Amino acid sequence: MATSATTLTSLSFFSSSLFLSSPSSKLSTSLSFSFKPSSNPSLSISSQLSTLPILSFTGEKIGETYLDLKSAPPETARAVVHRAIITDLQNKRRGTASTLTRGEVRGGGKKPYPQKKTGRARRGSTRTPLRPGGGVIFGPKPRDWSVKINKKEKRLAISTALSSAAENTIVVEDFGDKFEKPKTKEFIEALKRWGLDPKQKSMFLMMEVPVTVNKSSRNIGTLRMLTPRTLNLFDILNCDNLVLTPDTVDYLNGRYGEDYEGDTEDDNEEYEEEEEEQSGE
């Protein structure tokens, strides 16, 4: 898409068929991209989201906030997200499928019948792959299915997916202390107050999930409760609604925004822990 360096273009990933949005969603937030002058068109660009409403626990609007995340260019966004999701799914394969060859099958040491004067084909073992109970020809063996992806590329894919979910994203004030005891019915009522359908897939991203909130929401099959340590691309793309907290918005702006200074030792350790957790799921 040819655009001058000084022109501001409004683009929604949902309307551009990069990701499909829910037709019944009541939220409408536009995603605008600010194209900066650059001699290299493959560089990532800054995505400035319009303000997102902040809702109270009772469902009233109490303020506004915004997300400022890096995002891949429209012409390469699908490829970046596709590569990252394929990498995540493939790294979850355990690769433990195994079969026995004719040399590993128990038995078969004795020749079943004489070599000659029987009129039958020559047979040296009962464990030949041509007979029942024998070995398997070219069967699966344990292998490593994991593939590598650059940390910056994976971070760009996650930030692009979060930017694409702007239309179905709301911010809710911290409600960890609102549940005195676990109660699924109260959590469903809170979802309805926030304009969310309990039958639709919703993903909550919180810095910490209190025990009462976790127990109140774990019986809802369409709901996923994540923290920054368990944030993954599949759940972002698989949800119909994304719910954030103010602290989470600040974390996303710092982690996936333009002001991110780069990888540090702590970031590398966190990245390795996230990889181990996701591969172990």
C-alpha atoms as a PDB file:
ATOM      1  CA  MET A   1       0.000   0.000   0.000  1.00  0.00           C
ATOM      2  CA  ALA A   2       1.735   3.129  -1.207  1.00  0.00           C
ATOM      3  CA  THR A   3       1.521   5.989   1.286  1.00  0.00           C
ATOM      4  CA  SER A   4       3.466   9.203   1.564  1.00  0.00           C
ATOM      5  CA  ALA A   5       5.692   9.656   4.567  1.00  0.00           C
ATOM      6  CA  THR A   6       3.631  12.517   6.017  1.00  0.00           C
ATOM      7  CA  THR A   7       0.176  10.963   5.592  1.00  0.00           C
ATOM      8  CA  LEU A   8      -1.708   9.370   8.488  1.00  0.00           C
ATOM      9  CA  THR A   9      -3.635   6.286   7.454  1.00  0.00           C
ATOM     10  CA  SER A  10      -6.326   4.593   9.535  1.00  0.00           C
ATOM     11  CA  LEU A  11      -6.307   0.836   9.317  1.00  0.00           C
ATOM     12  CA  SER A  12      -8.128  -1.846  11.263  1.00  0.00           C
ATOM     13  CA  PHE A  13      -6.737  -5.364  11.171  1.00  0.00           C
ATOM     14  CA  PHE A  14     -10.208  -6.746  11.635  1.00  0.00           C
ATOM     15  CA  SER A  15     -11.532  -4.906   8.596  1.00  0.00           C
ATOM     16  CA  SER A  16      -8.454  -5.806   6.544  1.00  0.00           C
ATOM     17  CA  SER A  17      -9.159  -9.545   7.066  1.00  0.00           C
ATOM     18  CA  LEU A  18      -5.894 -10.121   8.895  1.00  0.00           C
ATOM     19  CA  PHE A  19      -7.895 -11.489  11.824  1.00  0.00           C
ATOM     20  CA  LEU A  20     -11.599 -12.155  12.044  1.00  0.00           C
ATOM     21  CA  SER A  21     -13.619 -10.226  14.612  1.00  0.00           C
ATOM     22  CA  SER A  22     -16.810 -11.273  16.290  1.00  0.00           C
ATOM     23  CA  PRO A  23     -19.869  -9.818  14.483  1.00  0.00           C
ATOM     24  CA  SER A  24     -21.737  -9.440  17.769  1.00  0.00           C
ATOM     25  CA  SER A  25     -19.086  -7.329  19.441  1.00  0.00           C
ATOM     26  CA  LYS A  26     -20.371  -4.014  20.802  1.00  0.00           C
ATOM     27  CA  LEU A  27     -16.939  -2.419  21.136  1.00  0.00           C
ATOM     28  CA  SER A  28     -15.628  -0.195  18.389  1.00  0.00           C
ATOM     29  CA  THR A  29     -12.114   1.193  18.615  1.00  0.00           C
ATOM     30  CA  SER A  30     -10.176   2.186  15.519  1.00  0.00           C
ATOM     31  CA  LEU A  31      -6.530   1.320  15.021  1.00  0.00           C
ATOM     32  CA  SER A  32      -4.496   4.007  13.310  1.00  0.00           C
ATOM     33  CA  PHE A  33      -0.966   3.631  12.030  1.00  0.00           C
ATOM     34  CA  SER A  34       1.447   6.499  11.821  1.00  0.00           C
ATOM     35  CA  PHE A  35       3.788   5.872   8.920  1.00  0.00           C
ATOM     36  CA  LYS A  36       7.209   7.324   9.674  1.00  0.00           C
ATOM     37  CA  PRO A  37       9.681   8.268   6.969  1.00  0.00           C
ATOM     38  CA  SER A  38      12.123   5.431   6.454  1.00  0.00           C
ATOM     39  CA  SER A  39      14.381   4.274   3.682  1.00  0.00           C
ATOM     40  CA  ASN A  40      13.850   0.635   4.657  1.00  0.00           C
ATOM     41  CA  PRO A  41      10.207  -0.402   4.145  1.00  0.00           C
ATOM     42  CA  SER A  42      10.669  -3.655   6.108  1.00  0.00           C
ATOM     43  CA  LEU A  43      11.174  -1.885   9.436  1.00  0.00           C
ATOM     44  CA  SER A  44       8.366  -2.081  11.982  1.00  0.00           C
ATOM     45  CA  ILE A  45       6.201   0.989  12.396  1.00  0.00           C
ATOM     46  CA  SER A  46       4.550   2.575  15.406  1.00  0.00           C
ATOM     47  CA  SER A  47       0.866   1.877  15.986  1.00  0.00           C
ATOM     48  CA  GLN A  48      -1.075   4.518  17.918  1.00  0.00           C
ATOM     49  CA  LEU A  49      -4.308   3.097  19.283  1.00  0.00           C
ATOM     50  CA  SER A  50      -7.268   5.297  20.007  1.00  0.00           C
ATOM     51  CA  THR A  51      -8.209   5.647  23.651  1.00  0.00           C
ATOM     52  CA  LEU A  52      -9.678   2.618  25.387  1.00  0.00           C
ATOM     53  CA  PRO A  53     -12.386   3.001  28.032  1.00  0.00           C
ATOM     54  CA  ILE A  54     -11.661   2.134  31.648  1.00  0.00           C
ATOM     55  CA  LEU A  55     -14.644   0.509  33.327  1.00  0.00           C
ATOM     56  CA  SER A  56     -15.299   0.146  37.036  1.00  0.00           C
ATOM     57  CA  PHE A  57     -16.349  -3.103  38.659  1.00  0.00           C
ATOM     58  CA  THR A  58     -19.968  -1.990  38.343  1.00  0.00           C
ATOM     59  CA  GLY A  59     -19.588  -1.378  34.586  1.00  0.00           C
ATOM     60  CA  GLU A  60     -19.437   2.441  34.630  1.00  0.00           C
ATOM     61  CA  LYS A  61     -16.877   4.342  32.600  1.00  0.00           C
ATOM     62  CA  ILE A  62     -14.396   6.025  34.944  1.00  0.00           C
ATOM     63  CA  GLY A  63     -11.623   7.062  32.558  1.00  0.00           C
ATOM     64  CA  GLU A  64      -9.643   6.412  29.417  1.00  0.00           C
ATOM     65  CA  THR A  65      -6.259   4.997  28.516  1.00  0.00           C
ATOM     66  CA  TYR A  66      -4.351   4.029  25.394  1.00  0.00           C
ATOM     67  CA  LEU A  67      -1.953   1.460  23.979  1.00  0.00           C
ATOM     68  CA  ASP A  68       1.114   2.404  21.976  1.00  0.00           C
ATOM     69  CA  LEU A  69       2.583  -0.815  20.596  1.00  0.00           C
ATOM     70  CA  LYS A  70       4.954  -1.699  17.815  1.00  0.00           C
ATOM     71  CA  SER A  71       3.283  -3.395  14.883  1.00  0.00           C
ATOM     72  CA  ALA A  72       4.458  -5.015  11.686  1.00  0.00           C
ATOM     73  CA  PRO A  73       3.654  -3.312   8.368  1.00  0.00           C
ATOM     74  CA  PRO A  74       0.303  -4.366   6.895  1.00  0.00           C
ATOM     75  CA  GLU A  75       1.955  -6.210   4.007  1.00  0.00           C
ATOM     76  CA  THR A  76       4.036  -8.440   6.317  1.00  0.00           C
ATOM     77  CA  ALA A  77       1.841  -8.632   9.437  1.00  0.00           C
ATOM     78  CA  ARG A  78       0.141 -11.884   8.450  1.00  0.00           C
ATOM     79  CA  ALA A  79       3.463 -13.584   7.726  1.00  0.00           C
ATOM     80  CA  VAL A  80       5.008 -12.508  11.045  1.00  0.00           C
ATOM     81  CA  VAL A  81       2.032 -13.674  13.098  1.00  0.00           C
ATOM     82  CA  HIS A  82       1.739 -16.921  11.115  1.00  0.00           C
ATOM     83  CA  ARG A  83       5.391 -17.792  11.665  1.00  0.00           C
ATOM     84  CA  ALA A  84       5.136 -17.135  15.403  1.00  0.00           C
ATOM     85  CA  ILE A  85       1.961 -19.183  15.900  1.00  0.00           C
ATOM     86  CA  ILE A  86       3.360 -22.106  13.908  1.00  0.00           C
ATOM     87  CA  THR A  87       6.522 -21.966  16.007  1.00  0.00           C
ATOM     88  CA  ASP A  88       4.536 -22.041  19.266  1.00  0.00           C
ATOM     89  CA  LEU A  89       2.355 -24.946  18.168  1.00  0.00           C
ATOM     90  CA  GLN A  90       5.258 -26.960  16.791  1.00  0.00           C
ATOM     91  CA  ASN A  91       7.362 -26.440  19.916  1.00  0.00           C
ATOM     92  CA  LYS A  92       4.564 -27.997  21.971  1.00  0.00           C
ATOM     93  CA  ARG A  93       4.979 -31.335  20.167  1.00  0.00           C
ATOM     94  CA  ARG A  94       6.633 -33.782  22.506  1.00  0.00           C
ATOM     95  CA  GLY A  95       7.985 -36.019  19.751  1.00  0.00           C
ATOM     96  CA  THR A  96       7.778 -39.165  21.890  1.00  0.00           C
ATOM     97  CA  ALA A  97       6.023 -41.411  19.333  1.00  0.00           C
ATOM     98  CA  SER A  98       8.108 -44.544  18.832  1.00  0.00           C
ATOM     99  CA  THR A  99       7.847 -47.939  17.098  1.00  0.00           C
ATOM    100  CA  LEU A 100      10.029 -51.046  17.150  1.00  0.00           C
ATOM    101  CA  THR A 101      12.060 -52.182  14.185  1.00  0.00           C
ATOM    102  CA  ARG A 102      12.588 -55.870  13.414  1.00  0.00           C
ATOM    103  CA  GLY A 103      15.807 -55.769  15.395  1.00  0.00           C
ATOM    104  CA  GLU A 104      14.051 -54.408  18.497  1.00  0.00           C
ATOM    105  CA  VAL A 105      11.017 -56.714  18.568  1.00  0.00           C
ATOM    106  CA  ARG A 106      11.280 -59.493  21.150  1.00  0.00           C
ATOM    107  CA  GLY A 107      11.747 -63.023  19.795  1.00  0.00           C
ATOM    108  CA  GLY A 108      12.336 -64.206  16.266  1.00  0.00           C
ATOM    109  CA  GLY A 109      15.732 -65.832  16.843  1.00  0.00           C
ATOM    110  CA  LYS A 110      14.761 -69.249  15.577  1.00  0.00           C
ATOM    111  CA  LYS A 111      14.263 -69.903  11.893  1.00  0.00           C
ATOM    112  CA  PRO A 112      10.529 -70.666  11.470  1.00  0.00           C
ATOM    113  CA  TYR A 113      10.956 -73.487   8.937  1.00  0.00           C
ATOM    114  CA  PRO A 114      13.732 -74.961   6.771  1.00  0.00           C
ATOM    115  CA  GLN A 115      15.173 -72.953   3.956  1.00  0.00           C
ATOM    116  CA  LYS A 116      14.454 -75.574   1.263  1.00  0.00           C
ATOM    117  CA  LYS A 117      12.019 -78.352   0.347  1.00  0.00           C
ATOM    118  CA  THR A 118       8.899 -76.627   1.682  1.00  0.00           C
ATOM    119  CA  GLY A 119       7.702 -74.815  -1.417  1.00  0.00           C
ATOM    120  CA  ARG A 120       7.314 -71.641   0.602  1.00  0.00           C
ATOM    121  CA  ALA A 121       9.199 -68.359   0.512  1.00  0.00           C
ATOM    122  CA  ARG A 122      12.466 -68.185   2.415  1.00  0.00           C
ATOM    123  CA  ARG A 123      11.911 -66.968   5.957  1.00  0.00           C
ATOM    124  CA  GLY A 124      14.644 -66.256   8.479  1.00  0.00           C
ATOM    125  CA  SER A 125      12.630 -64.715  11.342  1.00  0.00           C
ATOM    126  CA  THR A 126       9.072 -64.496  12.581  1.00  0.00           C
ATOM    127  CA  ARG A 127       9.635 -60.817  13.403  1.00  0.00           C
ATOM    128  CA  THR A 128       9.960 -59.679   9.804  1.00  0.00           C
ATOM    129  CA  PRO A 129       7.839 -56.593   8.987  1.00  0.00           C
ATOM    130  CA  LEU A 130       5.984 -58.713   6.431  1.00  0.00           C
ATOM    131  CA  ARG A 131       4.379 -60.844   9.165  1.00  0.00           C
ATOM    132  CA  PRO A 132       1.972 -59.974  12.011  1.00  0.00           C
ATOM    133  CA  GLY A 133       3.828 -59.243  15.222  1.00  0.00           C
ATOM    134  CA  GLY A 134       6.921 -58.160  13.375  1.00  0.00           C
ATOM    135  CA  GLY A 135       8.724 -54.839  13.302  1.00  0.00           C
ATOM    136  CA  VAL A 136       7.595 -51.628  11.642  1.00  0.00           C
ATOM    137  CA  ILE A 137       9.191 -50.301   8.479  1.00  0.00           C
ATOM    138  CA  PHE A 138      10.115 -46.606   8.653  1.00  0.00           C
ATOM    139  CA  GLY A 139       7.984 -46.052  11.757  1.00  0.00           C
ATOM    140  CA  PRO A 140       8.193 -42.918  13.935  1.00  0.00           C
ATOM    141  CA  LYS A 141      11.061 -42.497  16.371  1.00  0.00           C
ATOM    142  CA  PRO A 142      11.568 -39.895  19.111  1.00  0.00           C
ATOM    143  CA  ARG A 143      12.600 -36.598  17.558  1.00  0.00           C
ATOM    144  CA  ASP A 144      12.810 -32.918  18.333  1.00  0.00           C
ATOM    145  CA  TRP A 145      10.151 -30.889  16.500  1.00  0.00           C
ATOM    146  CA  SER A 146      11.148 -27.529  17.940  1.00  0.00           C
ATOM    147  CA  VAL A 147      12.080 -24.655  15.646  1.00  0.00           C
ATOM    148  CA  LYS A 148      13.790 -21.404  16.470  1.00  0.00           C
ATOM    149  CA  ILE A 149      12.365 -17.915  16.243  1.00  0.00           C
ATOM    150  CA  ASN A 150      14.096 -14.653  17.047  1.00  0.00           C
ATOM    151  CA  LYS A 151      12.997 -12.977  20.273  1.00  0.00           C
ATOM    152  CA  LYS A 152      12.385  -9.666  18.521  1.00  0.00           C
ATOM    153  CA  GLU A 153      10.299 -11.369  15.853  1.00  0.00           C
ATOM    154  CA  LYS A 154       8.154 -13.152  18.429  1.00  0.00           C
ATOM    155  CA  ARG A 155       7.697  -9.944  20.407  1.00  0.00           C
ATOM    156  CA  LEU A 156       6.650  -8.144  17.221  1.00  0.00           C
ATOM    157  CA  ALA A 157       4.116 -10.882  16.443  1.00  0.00           C
ATOM    158  CA  ILE A 158       2.550 -10.603  19.918  1.00  0.00           C
ATOM    159  CA  SER A 159       2.385  -6.808  19.751  1.00  0.00           C
ATOM    160  CA  THR A 160       0.850  -6.999  16.264  1.00  0.00           C
ATOM    161  CA  ALA A 161      -1.807  -9.431  17.510  1.00  0.00           C
ATOM    162  CA  LEU A 162      -2.567  -7.194  20.489  1.00  0.00           C
ATOM    163  CA  SER A 163      -2.893  -4.200  18.158  1.00  0.00           C
ATOM    164  CA  SER A 164      -5.277  -6.143  15.936  1.00  0.00           C
ATOM    165  CA  ALA A 165      -7.485  -6.918  18.938  1.00  0.00           C
ATOM    166  CA  ALA A 166      -8.070  -3.234  19.723  1.00  0.00           C
ATOM    167  CA  GLU A 167     -11.663  -3.291  18.520  1.00  0.00           C
ATOM    168  CA  ASN A 168     -12.591  -5.916  21.108  1.00  0.00           C
ATOM    169  CA  THR A 169     -10.435  -4.666  23.979  1.00  0.00           C
ATOM    170  CA  ILE A 170     -11.596  -3.010  27.194  1.00  0.00           C
ATOM    171  CA  VAL A 171      -9.802  -1.987  30.379  1.00  0.00           C
ATOM    172  CA  VAL A 172     -11.288  -2.832  33.763  1.00  0.00           C
ATOM    173  CA  GLU A 173     -10.084  -1.475  37.077  1.00  0.00           C
ATOM    174  CA  ASP A 174      -8.343  -3.879  39.416  1.00  0.00           C
ATOM    175  CA  PHE A 175     -11.069  -6.124  40.827  1.00  0.00           C
ATOM    176  CA  GLY A 176      -8.946  -8.594  42.761  1.00  0.00           C
ATOM    177  CA  ASP A 177     -10.342  -7.477  46.118  1.00  0.00           C
ATOM    178  CA  LYS A 178     -13.969  -7.420  44.948  1.00  0.00           C
ATOM    179  CA  PHE A 179     -14.479 -11.154  45.453  1.00  0.00           C
ATOM    180  CA  GLU A 180     -14.514 -12.016  49.135  1.00  0.00           C
ATOM    181  CA  LYS A 181     -15.074 -15.694  48.338  1.00  0.00           C
ATOM    182  CA  PRO A 182     -15.098 -17.740  45.119  1.00  0.00           C
ATOM    183  CA  LYS A 183     -18.417 -17.364  43.334  1.00  0.00           C
ATOM    184  CA  THR A 184     -18.815 -18.191  39.635  1.00  0.00           C
ATOM    185  CA  LYS A 185     -22.265 -16.611  39.485  1.00  0.00           C
ATOM    186  CA  GLU A 186     -20.896 -13.243  40.625  1.00  0.00           C
ATOM    187  CA  PHE A 187     -18.129 -13.384  38.027  1.00  0.00           C
ATOM    188  CA  ILE A 188     -20.654 -14.058  35.252  1.00  0.00           C
ATOM    189  CA  GLU A 189     -22.709 -11.084  36.423  1.00  0.00           C
ATOM    190  CA  ALA A 190     -19.578  -8.929  36.311  1.00  0.00           C
ATOM    191  CA  LEU A 191     -18.944 -10.043  32.714  1.00  0.00           C
ATOM    192  CA  LYS A 192     -22.444  -8.936  31.738  1.00  0.00           C
ATOM    193  CA  ARG A 193     -21.942  -5.552  33.432  1.00  0.00           C
ATOM    194  CA  TRP A 194     -18.803  -5.045  31.336  1.00  0.00           C
ATOM    195  CA  GLY A 195     -20.725  -5.809  28.151  1.00  0.00           C
ATOM    196  CA  LEU A 196     -19.195  -9.255  27.617  1.00  0.00           C
ATOM    197  CA  ASP A 197     -21.123 -12.343  26.617  1.00  0.00           C
ATOM    198  CA  PRO A 198     -20.182 -15.328  28.824  1.00  0.00           C
ATOM    199  CA  LYS A 199     -20.715 -17.610  25.820  1.00  0.00           C
ATOM    200  CA  GLN A 200     -17.987 -15.830  23.843  1.00  0.00           C
ATOM    201  CA  LYS A 201     -14.300 -16.480  24.322  1.00  0.00           C
ATOM    202  CA  SER A 202     -12.742 -13.874  26.594  1.00  0.00           C
ATOM    203  CA  MET A 203      -9.145 -13.506  27.702  1.00  0.00           C
ATOM    204  CA  PHE A 204      -8.188 -11.627  30.873  1.00  0.00           C
ATOM    205  CA  LEU A 205      -4.627 -10.358  31.147  1.00  0.00           C
ATOM    206  CA  MET A 206      -3.705  -9.406  34.720  1.00  0.00           C
ATOM    207  CA  MET A 207      -0.378  -8.837  36.431  1.00  0.00           C
ATOM    208  CA  GLU A 208      -1.425 -11.214  39.233  1.00  0.00           C
ATOM    209  CA  VAL A 209      -4.499 -13.418  39.520  1.00  0.00           C
ATOM    210  CA  PRO A 210      -5.855 -13.599  43.095  1.00  0.00           C
ATOM    211  CA  VAL A 211      -7.000 -16.974  44.370  1.00  0.00           C
ATOM    212  CA  THR A 212     -10.637 -15.903  44.674  1.00  0.00           C
ATOM    213  CA  VAL A 213     -10.696 -14.571  41.108  1.00  0.00           C
ATOM    214  CA  ASN A 214      -9.031 -17.709  39.778  1.00  0.00           C
ATOM    215  CA  LYS A 215     -11.513 -19.992  41.517  1.00  0.00           C
ATOM    216  CA  SER A 216     -14.469 -17.828  40.476  1.00  0.00           C
ATOM    217  CA  SER A 217     -13.517 -17.960  36.781  1.00  0.00           C
ATOM    218  CA  ARG A 218     -12.042 -21.422  36.305  1.00  0.00           C
ATOM    219  CA  ASN A 219     -15.456 -23.071  35.828  1.00  0.00           C
ATOM    220  CA  ILE A 220     -16.211 -20.813  32.824  1.00  0.00           C
ATOM    221  CA  GLY A 221     -15.062 -22.794  29.819  1.00  0.00           C
ATOM    222  CA  THR A 222     -14.926 -19.813  27.454  1.00  0.00           C
ATOM    223  CA  LEU A 223     -12.647 -17.741  29.691  1.00  0.00           C
ATOM    224  CA  ARG A 224      -8.852 -17.647  29.918  1.00  0.00           C
ATOM    225  CA  MET A 225      -7.068 -15.907  32.806  1.00  0.00           C
ATOM    226  CA  LEU A 226      -3.442 -15.093  31.939  1.00  0.00           C
ATOM    227  CA  THR A 227      -0.507 -13.190  33.387  1.00  0.00           C
ATOM    228  CA  PRO A 228       2.512 -11.702  31.564  1.00  0.00           C
ATOM    229  CA  ARG A 229       4.414 -14.948  32.237  1.00  0.00           C
ATOM    230  CA  THR A 230       1.753 -17.049  30.496  1.00  0.00           C
ATOM    231  CA  LEU A 231       0.860 -14.593  27.718  1.00  0.00           C
ATOM    232  CA  ASN A 232       0.941 -16.411  24.387  1.00  0.00           C
ATOM    233  CA  LEU A 233      -0.017 -15.699  20.815  1.00  0.00           C
ATOM    234  CA  PHE A 234      -2.534 -18.523  20.422  1.00  0.00           C
ATOM    235  CA  ASP A 235      -4.841 -17.279  23.196  1.00  0.00           C
ATOM    236  CA  ILE A 236      -4.699 -13.723  21.827  1.00  0.00           C
ATOM    237  CA  LEU A 237      -5.850 -14.861  18.398  1.00  0.00           C
ATOM    238  CA  ASN A 238      -8.351 -17.368  19.765  1.00  0.00           C
ATOM    239  CA  CYS A 239     -10.329 -14.948  21.952  1.00  0.00           C
ATOM    240  CA  ASP A 240     -13.296 -12.792  20.967  1.00  0.00           C
ATOM    241  CA  ASN A 241     -12.785 -10.208  23.715  1.00  0.00           C
ATOM    242  CA  LEU A 242      -9.643  -8.997  25.444  1.00  0.00           C
ATOM    243  CA  VAL A 243      -9.845  -7.546  28.961  1.00  0.00           C
ATOM    244  CA  LEU A 244      -6.916  -5.670  30.487  1.00  0.00           C
ATOM    245  CA  THR A 245      -6.213  -3.915  33.761  1.00  0.00           C
ATOM    246  CA  PRO A 246      -4.511  -0.490  34.057  1.00  0.00           C
ATOM    247  CA  ASP A 247      -1.320  -2.118  35.350  1.00  0.00           C
ATOM    248  CA  THR A 248      -1.344  -4.509  32.408  1.00  0.00           C
ATOM    249  CA  VAL A 249      -1.687  -1.623  29.960  1.00  0.00           C
ATOM    250  CA  ASP A 250       1.403   0.018  31.447  1.00  0.00           C
ATOM    251  CA  TYR A 251       3.264  -3.290  31.194  1.00  0.00           C
ATOM    252  CA  LEU A 252       2.309  -3.790  27.530  1.00  0.00           C
ATOM    253  CA  ASN A 253       3.317  -0.218  26.640  1.00  0.00           C
ATOM    254  CA  GLY A 254       6.674  -0.768  28.277  1.00  0.00           C
ATOM    255  CA  ARG A 255       7.302  -4.261  26.976  1.00  0.00           C
ATOM    256  CA  TYR A 256       5.961  -3.994  23.431  1.00  0.00           C
ATOM    257  CA  GLY A 257       5.982  -0.232  22.869  1.00  0.00           C
ATOM    258  CA  GLU A 258       8.308   2.110  21.043  1.00  0.00           C
ATOM    259  CA  ASP A 259      10.213   2.996  24.230  1.00  0.00           C
ATOM    260  CA  TYR A 260      11.424  -0.567  24.782  1.00  0.00           C
ATOM    261  CA  GLU A 261      15.213  -0.313  25.063  1.00  0.00           C
ATOM    262  CA  GLY A 262      16.099  -3.870  24.132  1.00  0.00           C
ATOM    263  CA  ASP A 263      16.969  -7.205  25.641  1.00  0.00           C
ATOM    264  CA  THR A 264      18.591  -7.414  29.045  1.00  0.00           C
ATOM    265  CA  GLU A 265      19.693 -10.358  31.143  1.00  0.00           C
ATOM    266  CA  ASP A 266      16.370 -10.338  33.005  1.00  0.00           C
ATOM    267  CA  ASP A 267      14.471 -10.288  29.729  1.00  0.00           C
ATOM    268  CA  ASN A 268      16.479 -13.238  28.441  1.00  0.00           C
ATOM    269  CA  GLU A 269      15.755 -15.237  31.592  1.00  0.00           C
ATOM    270  CA  GLU A 270      12.063 -14.344  31.387  1.00  0.00           C
ATOM    271  CA  TYR A 271      11.979 -15.337  27.707  1.00  0.00           C
ATOM    272  CA  GLU A 272      13.556 -18.726  28.468  1.00  0.00           C
ATOM    273  CA  GLU A 273      11.069 -19.349  31.293  1.00  0.00           C
ATOM    274  CA  GLU A 274       8.152 -18.478  29.020  1.00  0.00           C
ATOM    275  CA  GLU A 275       9.459 -20.899  26.381  1.00  0.00           C
ATOM    276  CA  GLU A 276       9.731 -23.707  28.936  1.00  0.00           C
ATOM    277  CA  GLU A 277       6.226 -23.075  30.291  1.00  0.00           C
ATOM    278  CA  GLN A 278       4.622 -22.951  26.840  1.00  0.00           C
ATOM    279  CA  SER A 279       6.467 -26.059  25.612  1.00  0.00           C
ATOM    280  CA  GLY A 280       5.350 -27.940  28.717  1.00  0.00           C
ATOM    281  CA  GLU A 281       1.636 -27.197  28.256  1.00  0.00           C
END
